[in-house]
Amino acid sequence: MNDSVPEGELPEAVTAQEPGPAAEAEPEPAYDPAAPTPLNVPRVPTGHADVDARLDRLADADHLATDGHLEVYEDVHRGLRDELTALDVRPGAPVPGGRPAAAPQ
């Protein structure tokens, strides 16, 4: 079998050029020195799922400009404060004055 093509003629598959993988790839975005740079501060799990979720929220600040950090930090601080406050709540019937009953000793 002779697969040769007469001179000056190209097979249809070659003339109808479809974009290959290189042509389909999107160009990488240009480096923007003004864009936020992630700090990539490691966060060690505490073993308390609610606290870990609050601390993981700090990663949101990595993608924000500096003026957006305050909202994230305040949210995390509020959440951690709520978690600590919840530790002070003891089981028992409420007593007059709004303070929880002391735990039996």
PDB file of N, CA and C in Angstrom:
ATOM      1  N   MET A   1       0.838  -1.163   0.000  1.00  0.00           N
ATOM      2  CA  MET A   1       0.000   0.000   0.000  1.00  0.00           C
ATOM      3  C   MET A   1       0.881   1.222   0.000  1.00  0.00           C
ATOM      4  N   ASN A   2       0.553   2.196  -0.803  1.00  0.00           N
ATOM      5  CA  ASN A   2       1.338   3.415  -0.934  1.00  0.00           C
ATOM      6  C   ASN A   2       0.567   4.563  -0.299  1.00  0.00           C
ATOM      7  N   ASP A   3       1.128   5.122   0.784  1.00  0.00           N
ATOM      8  CA  ASP A   3       0.462   6.205   1.505  1.00  0.00           C
ATOM      9  C   ASP A   3       0.944   7.572   1.045  1.00  0.00           C
ATOM     10  N   SER A   4       1.642   7.620  -0.049  1.00  0.00           N
ATOM     11  CA  SER A   4       2.176   8.905  -0.479  1.00  0.00           C
ATOM     12  C   SER A   4       1.051   9.784  -1.011  1.00  0.00           C
ATOM     13  N   VAL A   5       1.225  11.081  -0.834  1.00  0.00           N
ATOM     14  CA  VAL A   5       0.245  12.073  -1.287  1.00  0.00           C
ATOM     15  C   VAL A   5       0.882  12.816  -2.439  1.00  0.00           C
ATOM     16  N   PRO A   6       0.118  13.034  -3.479  1.00  0.00           N
ATOM     17  CA  PRO A   6       0.700  13.777  -4.601  1.00  0.00           C
ATOM     18  C   PRO A   6       1.200  15.133  -4.127  1.00  0.00           C
ATOM     19  N   GLU A   7       2.277  15.585  -4.726  1.00  0.00           N
ATOM     20  CA  GLU A   7       2.899  16.836  -4.343  1.00  0.00           C
ATOM     21  C   GLU A   7       1.898  17.987  -4.456  1.00  0.00           C
ATOM     22  N   GLY A   8       1.874  18.870  -3.449  1.00  0.00           N
ATOM     23  CA  GLY A   8       0.984  20.019  -3.465  1.00  0.00           C
ATOM     24  C   GLY A   8      -0.362  19.740  -2.823  1.00  0.00           C
ATOM     25  N   GLU A   9      -0.660  18.501  -2.541  1.00  0.00           N
ATOM     26  CA  GLU A   9      -1.931  18.167  -1.903  1.00  0.00           C
ATOM     27  C   GLU A   9      -1.661  17.613  -0.508  1.00  0.00           C
ATOM     28  N   LEU A  10      -2.452  18.080   0.451  1.00  0.00           N
ATOM     29  CA  LEU A  10      -2.334  17.571   1.819  1.00  0.00           C
ATOM     30  C   LEU A  10      -3.609  16.837   2.168  1.00  0.00           C
ATOM     31  N   PRO A  11      -3.501  15.810   2.945  1.00  0.00           N
ATOM     32  CA  PRO A  11      -4.710  15.112   3.366  1.00  0.00           C
ATOM     33  C   PRO A  11      -5.641  16.064   4.116  1.00  0.00           C
ATOM     34  N   GLU A  12      -6.937  15.804   4.045  1.00  0.00           N
ATOM     35  CA  GLU A  12      -7.935  16.677   4.659  1.00  0.00           C
ATOM     36  C   GLU A  12      -7.689  16.843   6.155  1.00  0.00           C
ATOM     37  N   ALA A  13      -7.263  15.790   6.829  1.00  0.00           N
ATOM     38  CA  ALA A  13      -7.030  15.851   8.271  1.00  0.00           C
ATOM     39  C   ALA A  13      -5.938  16.855   8.606  1.00  0.00           C
ATOM     40  N   VAL A  14      -4.983  17.048   7.709  1.00  0.00           N
ATOM     41  CA  VAL A  14      -3.895  17.982   7.971  1.00  0.00           C
ATOM     42  C   VAL A  14      -4.330  19.401   7.651  1.00  0.00           C
ATOM     43  N   THR A  15      -5.139  19.602   6.632  1.00  0.00           N
ATOM     44  CA  THR A  15      -5.539  20.955   6.254  1.00  0.00           C
ATOM     45  C   THR A  15      -6.578  21.528   7.206  1.00  0.00           C
ATOM     46  N   ALA A  16      -7.443  20.696   7.748  1.00  0.00           N
ATOM     47  CA  ALA A  16      -8.442  21.184   8.702  1.00  0.00           C
ATOM     48  C   ALA A  16      -7.816  21.122  10.081  1.00  0.00           C
ATOM     49  N   GLN A  17      -7.047  22.120  10.409  1.00  0.00           N
ATOM     50  CA  GLN A  17      -6.302  22.104  11.664  1.00  0.00           C
ATOM     51  C   GLN A  17      -7.230  22.411  12.829  1.00  0.00           C
ATOM     52  N   GLU A  18      -7.270  21.470  13.721  1.00  0.00           N
ATOM     53  CA  GLU A  18      -8.037  21.640  14.941  1.00  0.00           C
ATOM     54  C   GLU A  18      -7.069  22.049  16.034  1.00  0.00           C
ATOM     55  N   PRO A  19      -7.558  22.848  16.954  1.00  0.00           N
ATOM     56  CA  PRO A  19      -6.648  23.248  18.039  1.00  0.00           C
ATOM     57  C   PRO A  19      -6.241  22.038  18.863  1.00  0.00           C
ATOM     58  N   GLY A  20      -4.980  21.954  19.120  1.00  0.00           N
ATOM     59  CA  GLY A  20      -4.449  20.868  19.939  1.00  0.00           C
ATOM     60  C   GLY A  20      -4.433  21.278  21.393  1.00  0.00           C
ATOM     61  N   PRO A  21      -3.892  20.420  22.232  1.00  0.00           N
ATOM     62  CA  PRO A  21      -3.856  20.732  23.663  1.00  0.00           C
ATOM     63  C   PRO A  21      -3.133  22.030  23.967  1.00  0.00           C
ATOM     64  N   ALA A  22      -2.086  22.350  23.237  1.00  0.00           N
ATOM     65  CA  ALA A  22      -1.343  23.582  23.497  1.00  0.00           C
ATOM     66  C   ALA A  22      -2.189  24.802  23.167  1.00  0.00           C
ATOM     67  N   ALA A  23      -2.989  24.715  22.118  1.00  0.00           N
ATOM     68  CA  ALA A  23      -3.809  25.859  21.720  1.00  0.00           C
ATOM     69  C   ALA A  23      -4.992  26.046  22.653  1.00  0.00           C
ATOM     70  N   GLU A  24      -5.457  24.974  23.296  1.00  0.00           N
ATOM     71  CA  GLU A  24      -6.608  25.063  24.188  1.00  0.00           C
ATOM     72  C   GLU A  24      -6.227  25.556  25.573  1.00  0.00           C
ATOM     73  N   ALA A  25      -4.982  25.428  25.952  1.00  0.00           N
ATOM     74  CA  ALA A  25      -4.556  25.834  27.281  1.00  0.00           C
ATOM     75  C   ALA A  25      -4.665  27.348  27.424  1.00  0.00           C
ATOM     76  N   GLU A  26      -5.218  27.763  28.565  1.00  0.00           N
ATOM     77  CA  GLU A  26      -5.339  29.188  28.818  1.00  0.00           C
ATOM     78  C   GLU A  26      -3.974  29.725  29.238  1.00  0.00           C
ATOM     79  N   PRO A  27      -3.665  30.934  28.817  1.00  0.00           N
ATOM     80  CA  PRO A  27      -2.383  31.497  29.231  1.00  0.00           C
ATOM     81  C   PRO A  27      -2.392  31.772  30.731  1.00  0.00           C
ATOM     82  N   GLU A  28      -1.234  31.625  31.343  1.00  0.00           N
ATOM     83  CA  GLU A  28      -1.129  31.900  32.768  1.00  0.00           C
ATOM     84  C   GLU A  28      -1.291  33.388  33.000  1.00  0.00           C
ATOM     85  N   PRO A  29      -1.981  33.757  34.074  1.00  0.00           N
ATOM     86  CA  PRO A  29      -2.145  35.186  34.336  1.00  0.00           C
ATOM     87  C   PRO A  29      -0.795  35.826  34.632  1.00  0.00           C
ATOM     88  N   ALA A  30      -0.660  37.051  34.226  1.00  0.00           N
ATOM     89  CA  ALA A  30       0.593  37.769  34.460  1.00  0.00           C
ATOM     90  C   ALA A  30       0.739  38.039  35.950  1.00  0.00           C
ATOM     91  N   TYR A  31       1.948  38.066  36.425  1.00  0.00           N
ATOM     92  CA  TYR A  31       2.220  38.355  37.832  1.00  0.00           C
ATOM     93  C   TYR A  31       1.851  39.794  38.123  1.00  0.00           C
ATOM     94  N   ASP A  32       1.064  39.990  39.148  1.00  0.00           N
ATOM     95  CA  ASP A  32       0.645  41.327  39.549  1.00  0.00           C
ATOM     96  C   ASP A  32       1.247  41.610  40.920  1.00  0.00           C
ATOM     97  N   PRO A  33       2.262  42.464  40.986  1.00  0.00           N
ATOM     98  CA  PRO A  33       2.905  42.725  42.277  1.00  0.00           C
ATOM     99  C   PRO A  33       1.968  43.390  43.279  1.00  0.00           C
ATOM    100  N   ALA A  34       0.876  43.997  42.804  1.00  0.00           N
ATOM    101  CA  ALA A  34      -0.070  44.642  43.708  1.00  0.00           C
ATOM    102  C   ALA A  34      -1.092  43.652  44.269  1.00  0.00           C
ATOM    103  N   ALA A  35      -1.139  42.452  43.723  1.00  0.00           N
ATOM    104  CA  ALA A  35      -2.107  41.447  44.185  1.00  0.00           C
ATOM    105  C   ALA A  35      -1.687  40.928  45.555  1.00  0.00           C
ATOM    106  N   PRO A  36      -2.676  40.503  46.367  1.00  0.00           N
ATOM    107  CA  PRO A  36      -2.333  39.956  47.683  1.00  0.00           C
ATOM    108  C   PRO A  36      -1.464  38.716  47.551  1.00  0.00           C
ATOM    109  N   THR A  37      -0.512  38.596  48.432  1.00  0.00           N
ATOM    110  CA  THR A  37       0.369  37.435  48.459  1.00  0.00           C
ATOM    111  C   THR A  37       0.015  36.596  49.677  1.00  0.00           C
ATOM    112  N   PRO A  38      -0.390  35.355  49.477  1.00  0.00           N
ATOM    113  CA  PRO A  38      -0.748  34.513  50.625  1.00  0.00           C
ATOM    114  C   PRO A  38       0.420  34.372  51.597  1.00  0.00           C
ATOM    115  N   LEU A  39       0.113  34.442  52.885  1.00  0.00           N
ATOM    116  CA  LEU A  39       1.146  34.284  53.904  1.00  0.00           C
ATOM    117  C   LEU A  39       1.481  32.824  54.131  1.00  0.00           C
ATOM    118  N   ASN A  40       0.520  31.944  53.843  1.00  0.00           N
ATOM    119  CA  ASN A  40       0.708  30.501  54.014  1.00  0.00           C
ATOM    120  C   ASN A  40       1.220  30.143  55.400  1.00  0.00           C
ATOM    121  N   VAL A  41       0.633  30.781  56.414  1.00  0.00           N
ATOM    122  CA  VAL A  41       1.001  30.474  57.791  1.00  0.00           C
ATOM    123  C   VAL A  41       0.377  29.129  58.149  1.00  0.00           C
ATOM    124  N   PRO A  42       1.191  28.184  58.591  1.00  0.00           N
ATOM    125  CA  PRO A  42       0.624  26.865  58.918  1.00  0.00           C
ATOM    126  C   PRO A  42      -0.293  26.962  60.138  1.00  0.00           C
ATOM    127  N   ARG A  43      -1.388  26.230  60.087  1.00  0.00           N
ATOM    128  CA  ARG A  43      -2.330  26.163  61.199  1.00  0.00           C
ATOM    129  C   ARG A  43      -2.369  24.718  61.680  1.00  0.00           C
ATOM    130  N   VAL A  44      -2.025  24.526  62.928  1.00  0.00           N
ATOM    131  CA  VAL A  44      -1.983  23.189  63.508  1.00  0.00           C
ATOM    132  C   VAL A  44      -3.362  22.878  64.086  1.00  0.00           C
ATOM    133  N   PRO A  45      -3.954  21.756  63.706  1.00  0.00           N
ATOM    134  CA  PRO A  45      -5.276  21.407  64.242  1.00  0.00           C
ATOM    135  C   PRO A  45      -5.250  21.282  65.763  1.00  0.00           C
ATOM    136  N   THR A  46      -6.317  21.771  66.383  1.00  0.00           N
ATOM    137  CA  THR A  46      -6.418  21.718  67.843  1.00  0.00           C
ATOM    138  C   THR A  46      -7.100  20.453  68.314  1.00  0.00           C
ATOM    139  N   GLY A  47      -7.829  19.777  67.419  1.00  0.00           N
ATOM    140  CA  GLY A  47      -8.591  18.611  67.810  1.00  0.00           C
ATOM    141  C   GLY A  47     -10.026  18.966  68.174  1.00  0.00           C
ATOM    142  N   HIS A  48     -10.346  20.235  68.250  1.00  0.00           N
ATOM    143  CA  HIS A  48     -11.704  20.706  68.522  1.00  0.00           C
ATOM    144  C   HIS A  48     -12.248  21.240  67.196  1.00  0.00           C
ATOM    145  N   ALA A  49     -13.204  20.529  66.612  1.00  0.00           N
ATOM    146  CA  ALA A  49     -13.671  20.829  65.251  1.00  0.00           C
ATOM    147  C   ALA A  49     -14.146  22.263  65.072  1.00  0.00           C
ATOM    148  N   ASP A  50     -14.874  22.806  66.047  1.00  0.00           N
ATOM    149  CA  ASP A  50     -15.388  24.177  65.903  1.00  0.00           C
ATOM    150  C   ASP A  50     -14.260  25.203  65.928  1.00  0.00           C
ATOM    151  N   VAL A  51     -13.288  24.994  66.786  1.00  0.00           N
ATOM    152  CA  VAL A  51     -12.143  25.910  66.853  1.00  0.00           C
ATOM    153  C   VAL A  51     -11.319  25.798  65.570  1.00  0.00           C
ATOM    154  N   ASP A  52     -11.095  24.583  65.107  1.00  0.00           N
ATOM    155  CA  ASP A  52     -10.329  24.390  63.875  1.00  0.00           C
ATOM    156  C   ASP A  52     -11.014  25.060  62.688  1.00  0.00           C
ATOM    157  N   ALA A  53     -12.330  24.989  62.639  1.00  0.00           N
ATOM    158  CA  ALA A  53     -13.063  25.644  61.545  1.00  0.00           C
ATOM    159  C   ALA A  53     -12.875  27.153  61.604  1.00  0.00           C
ATOM    160  N   ARG A  54     -12.883  27.704  62.813  1.00  0.00           N
ATOM    161  CA  ARG A  54     -12.663  29.162  62.963  1.00  0.00           C
ATOM    162  C   ARG A  54     -11.254  29.531  62.500  1.00  0.00           C
ATOM    163  N   LEU A  55     -10.271  28.739  62.903  1.00  0.00           N
ATOM    164  CA  LEU A  55      -8.891  29.036  62.518  1.00  0.00           C
ATOM    165  C   LEU A  55      -8.668  28.862  61.017  1.00  0.00           C
ATOM    166  N   ASP A  56      -9.347  27.891  60.422  1.00  0.00           N
ATOM    167  CA  ASP A  56      -9.234  27.698  58.972  1.00  0.00           C
ATOM    168  C   ASP A  56      -9.759  28.916  58.221  1.00  0.00           C
ATOM    169  N   ARG A  57     -10.689  29.620  58.817  1.00  0.00           N
ATOM    170  CA  ARG A  57     -11.248  30.831  58.191  1.00  0.00           C
ATOM    171  C   ARG A  57     -10.160  31.888  57.984  1.00  0.00           C
ATOM    172  N   LEU A  58      -9.094  31.847  58.768  1.00  0.00           N
ATOM    173  CA  LEU A  58      -7.999  32.813  58.597  1.00  0.00           C
ATOM    174  C   LEU A  58      -7.393  32.739  57.195  1.00  0.00           C
ATOM    175  N   ALA A  59      -7.473  31.580  56.553  1.00  0.00           N
ATOM    176  CA  ALA A  59      -6.926  31.424  55.205  1.00  0.00           C
ATOM    177  C   ALA A  59      -7.653  32.325  54.217  1.00  0.00           C
ATOM    178  N   ASP A  60      -8.885  32.725  54.526  1.00  0.00           N
ATOM    179  CA  ASP A  60      -9.618  33.628  53.636  1.00  0.00           C
ATOM    180  C   ASP A  60      -8.909  34.968  53.485  1.00  0.00           C
ATOM    181  N   ALA A  61      -8.177  35.378  54.503  1.00  0.00           N
ATOM    182  CA  ALA A  61      -7.462  36.648  54.445  1.00  0.00           C
ATOM    183  C   ALA A  61      -6.313  36.603  53.439  1.00  0.00           C
ATOM    184  N   ASP A  62      -5.832  35.413  53.120  1.00  0.00           N
ATOM    185  CA  ASP A  62      -4.725  35.283  52.166  1.00  0.00           C
ATOM    186  C   ASP A  62      -5.086  35.801  50.779  1.00  0.00           C
ATOM    187  N   HIS A  63      -6.360  35.808  50.443  1.00  0.00           N
ATOM    188  CA  HIS A  63      -6.777  36.187  49.095  1.00  0.00           C
ATOM    189  C   HIS A  63      -7.380  37.578  49.042  1.00  0.00           C
ATOM    190  N   LEU A  64      -7.287  38.304  50.150  1.00  0.00           N
ATOM    191  CA  LEU A  64      -7.865  39.643  50.212  1.00  0.00           C
ATOM    192  C   LEU A  64      -6.776  40.697  50.315  1.00  0.00           C
ATOM    193  N   ALA A  65      -7.102  41.878  49.854  1.00  0.00           N
ATOM    194  CA  ALA A  65      -6.198  43.008  50.073  1.00  0.00           C
ATOM    195  C   ALA A  65      -6.188  43.300  51.569  1.00  0.00           C
ATOM    196  N   THR A  66      -5.201  44.027  52.030  1.00  0.00           N
ATOM    197  CA  THR A  66      -5.029  44.297  53.454  1.00  0.00           C
ATOM    198  C   THR A  66      -6.275  44.897  54.080  1.00  0.00           C
ATOM    199  N   ASP A  67      -6.963  45.768  53.371  1.00  0.00           N
ATOM    200  CA  ASP A  67      -8.143  46.396  53.959  1.00  0.00           C
ATOM    201  C   ASP A  67      -9.291  45.411  54.161  1.00  0.00           C
ATOM    202  N   GLY A  68      -9.218  44.228  53.603  1.00  0.00           N
ATOM    203  CA  GLY A  68     -10.234  43.203  53.808  1.00  0.00           C
ATOM    204  C   GLY A  68      -9.918  42.252  54.948  1.00  0.00           C
ATOM    205  N   HIS A  69      -8.720  42.331  55.507  1.00  0.00           N
ATOM    206  CA  HIS A  69      -8.312  41.421  56.569  1.00  0.00           C
ATOM    207  C   HIS A  69      -9.119  41.644  57.850  1.00  0.00           C
ATOM    208  N   LEU A  70      -9.432  42.894  58.150  1.00  0.00           N
ATOM    209  CA  LEU A  70     -10.089  43.215  59.407  1.00  0.00           C
ATOM    210  C   LEU A  70     -11.393  42.442  59.582  1.00  0.00           C
ATOM    211  N   GLU A  71     -12.197  42.366  58.541  1.00  0.00           N
ATOM    212  CA  GLU A  71     -13.466  41.645  58.628  1.00  0.00           C
ATOM    213  C   GLU A  71     -13.245  40.168  58.971  1.00  0.00           C
ATOM    214  N   VAL A  72     -12.244  39.562  58.335  1.00  0.00           N
ATOM    215  CA  VAL A  72     -11.950  38.147  58.603  1.00  0.00           C
ATOM    216  C   VAL A  72     -11.451  37.983  60.032  1.00  0.00           C
ATOM    217  N   TYR A  73     -10.523  38.828  60.465  1.00  0.00           N
ATOM    218  CA  TYR A  73      -9.968  38.711  61.813  1.00  0.00           C
ATOM    219  C   TYR A  73     -11.045  38.907  62.874  1.00  0.00           C
ATOM    220  N   GLU A  74     -11.929  39.887  62.665  1.00  0.00           N
ATOM    221  CA  GLU A  74     -12.996  40.126  63.638  1.00  0.00           C
ATOM    222  C   GLU A  74     -13.960  38.939  63.691  1.00  0.00           C
ATOM    223  N   ASP A  75     -14.256  38.368  62.539  1.00  0.00           N
ATOM    224  CA  ASP A  75     -15.145  37.212  62.498  1.00  0.00           C
ATOM    225  C   ASP A  75     -14.529  36.029  63.244  1.00  0.00           C
ATOM    226  N   VAL A  76     -13.252  35.777  63.008  1.00  0.00           N
ATOM    227  CA  VAL A  76     -12.562  34.664  63.681  1.00  0.00           C
ATOM    228  C   VAL A  76     -12.497  34.936  65.184  1.00  0.00           C
ATOM    229  N   HIS A  77     -12.162  36.167  65.553  1.00  0.00           N
ATOM    230  CA  HIS A  77     -12.074  36.526  66.973  1.00  0.00           C
ATOM    231  C   HIS A  77     -13.427  36.327  67.663  1.00  0.00           C
ATOM    232  N   ARG A  78     -14.492  36.784  67.036  1.00  0.00           N
ATOM    233  CA  ARG A  78     -15.839  36.641  67.590  1.00  0.00           C
ATOM    234  C   ARG A  78     -16.183  35.156  67.769  1.00  0.00           C
ATOM    235  N   GLY A  79     -15.865  34.355  66.769  1.00  0.00           N
ATOM    236  CA  GLY A  79     -16.150  32.925  66.847  1.00  0.00           C
ATOM    237  C   GLY A  79     -15.365  32.225  67.941  1.00  0.00           C
ATOM    238  N   LEU A  80     -14.074  32.562  68.054  1.00  0.00           N
ATOM    239  CA  LEU A  80     -13.257  31.949  69.101  1.00  0.00           C
ATOM    240  C   LEU A  80     -13.725  32.394  70.485  1.00  0.00           C
ATOM    241  N   ARG A  81     -14.115  33.656  70.614  1.00  0.00           N
ATOM    242  CA  ARG A  81     -14.637  34.147  71.884  1.00  0.00           C
ATOM    243  C   ARG A  81     -15.912  33.386  72.254  1.00  0.00           C
ATOM    244  N   ASP A  82     -16.783  33.151  71.263  1.00  0.00           N
ATOM    245  CA  ASP A  82     -18.009  32.388  71.514  1.00  0.00           C
ATOM    246  C   ASP A  82     -17.687  30.959  71.957  1.00  0.00           C
ATOM    247  N   GLU A  83     -16.681  30.355  71.345  1.00  0.00           N
ATOM    248  CA  GLU A  83     -16.287  29.001  71.730  1.00  0.00           C
ATOM    249  C   GLU A  83     -15.770  28.975  73.169  1.00  0.00           C
ATOM    250  N   LEU A  84     -14.983  29.963  73.549  1.00  0.00           N
ATOM    251  CA  LEU A  84     -14.475  30.022  74.924  1.00  0.00           C
ATOM    252  C   LEU A  84     -15.606  30.278  75.914  1.00  0.00           C
ATOM    253  N   THR A  85     -16.530  31.150  75.545  1.00  0.00           N
ATOM    254  CA  THR A  85     -17.666  31.436  76.413  1.00  0.00           C
ATOM    255  C   THR A  85     -18.499  30.182  76.631  1.00  0.00           C
ATOM    256  N   ALA A  86     -18.653  29.375  75.599  1.00  0.00           N
ATOM    257  CA  ALA A  86     -19.431  28.146  75.705  1.00  0.00           C
ATOM    258  C   ALA A  86     -18.800  27.173  76.700  1.00  0.00           C
ATOM    259  N   LEU A  87     -17.500  27.258  76.890  1.00  0.00           N
ATOM    260  CA  LEU A  87     -16.838  26.373  77.855  1.00  0.00           C
ATOM    261  C   LEU A  87     -17.228  26.719  79.287  1.00  0.00           C
ATOM    262  N   ASP A  88     -17.617  27.964  79.540  1.00  0.00           N
ATOM    263  CA  ASP A  88     -17.993  28.400  80.879  1.00  0.00           C
ATOM    264  C   ASP A  88     -19.414  28.009  81.249  1.00  0.00           C
ATOM    265  N   VAL A  89     -20.210  27.626  80.286  1.00  0.00           N
ATOM    266  CA  VAL A  89     -21.587  27.235  80.565  1.00  0.00           C
ATOM    267  C   VAL A  89     -21.578  25.840  81.149  1.00  0.00           C
ATOM    268  N   ARG A  90     -22.107  25.756  82.360  1.00  0.00           N
ATOM    269  CA  ARG A  90     -22.137  24.458  83.043  1.00  0.00           C
ATOM    270  C   ARG A  90     -23.538  23.886  82.969  1.00  0.00           C
ATOM    271  N   PRO A  91     -23.648  22.590  82.881  1.00  0.00           N
ATOM    272  CA  PRO A  91     -24.989  22.001  82.878  1.00  0.00           C
ATOM    273  C   PRO A  91     -25.654  22.207  84.230  1.00  0.00           C
ATOM    274  N   GLY A  92     -26.921  22.364  84.222  1.00  0.00           N
ATOM    275  CA  GLY A  92     -27.680  22.539  85.462  1.00  0.00           C
ATOM    276  C   GLY A  92     -28.826  23.486  85.231  1.00  0.00           C
ATOM    277  N   ALA A  93     -29.707  23.517  86.175  1.00  0.00           N
ATOM    278  CA  ALA A  93     -30.874  24.393  86.061  1.00  0.00           C
ATOM    279  C   ALA A  93     -30.458  25.841  86.282  1.00  0.00           C
ATOM    280  N   PRO A  94     -31.055  26.762  85.520  1.00  0.00           N
ATOM    281  CA  PRO A  94     -30.728  28.165  85.740  1.00  0.00           C
ATOM    282  C   PRO A  94     -31.210  28.620  87.128  1.00  0.00           C
ATOM    283  N   VAL A  95     -30.451  29.488  87.708  1.00  0.00           N
ATOM    284  CA  VAL A  95     -30.789  30.019  89.022  1.00  0.00           C
ATOM    285  C   VAL A  95     -31.196  31.473  88.874  1.00  0.00           C
ATOM    286  N   PRO A  96     -31.920  31.999  89.833  1.00  0.00           N
ATOM    287  CA  PRO A  96     -32.275  33.419  89.755  1.00  0.00           C
ATOM    288  C   PRO A  96     -31.016  34.270  89.670  1.00  0.00           C
ATOM    289  N   GLY A  97     -31.068  35.281  88.864  1.00  0.00           N
ATOM    290  CA  GLY A  97     -29.906  36.147  88.668  1.00  0.00           C
ATOM    291  C   GLY A  97     -29.185  35.849  87.374  1.00  0.00           C
ATOM    292  N   GLY A  98     -29.612  34.789  86.671  1.00  0.00           N
ATOM    293  CA  GLY A  98     -29.072  34.517  85.360  1.00  0.00           C
ATOM    294  C   GLY A  98     -27.784  33.726  85.323  1.00  0.00           C
ATOM    295  N   ARG A  99     -27.259  33.344  86.480  1.00  0.00           N
ATOM    296  CA  ARG A  99     -26.026  32.574  86.495  1.00  0.00           C
ATOM    297  C   ARG A  99     -26.367  31.088  86.520  1.00  0.00           C
ATOM    298  N   PRO A 100     -25.633  30.266  85.808  1.00  0.00           N
ATOM    299  CA  PRO A 100     -25.927  28.831  85.823  1.00  0.00           C
ATOM    300  C   PRO A 100     -25.657  28.227  87.195  1.00  0.00           C
ATOM    301  N   ALA A 101     -26.365  27.183  87.510  1.00  0.00           N
ATOM    302  CA  ALA A 101     -26.172  26.486  88.777  1.00  0.00           C
ATOM    303  C   ALA A 101     -24.794  25.852  88.805  1.00  0.00           C
ATOM    304  N   ALA A 102     -24.221  25.811  89.970  1.00  0.00           N
ATOM    305  CA  ALA A 102     -22.905  25.199  90.121  1.00  0.00           C
ATOM    306  C   ALA A 102     -23.018  23.704  89.887  1.00  0.00           C
ATOM    307  N   ALA A 103     -22.021  23.162  89.290  1.00  0.00           N
ATOM    308  CA  ALA A 103     -21.998  21.723  89.036  1.00  0.00           C
ATOM    309  C   ALA A 103     -21.798  21.005  90.366  1.00  0.00           C
ATOM    310  N   PRO A 104     -22.445  19.858  90.548  1.00  0.00           N
ATOM    311  CA  PRO A 104     -22.262  19.084  91.793  1.00  0.00           C
ATOM    312  C   PRO A 104     -20.810  18.663  91.932  1.00  0.00           C
ATOM    313  N   GLN A 105     -20.369  18.684  93.200  1.00  0.00           N
ATOM    314  CA  GLN A 105     -18.971  18.318  93.457  1.00  0.00           C
ATOM    315  C   GLN A 105     -18.869  17.029  94.191  1.00  0.00           C
TER     316      GLN A 105
END
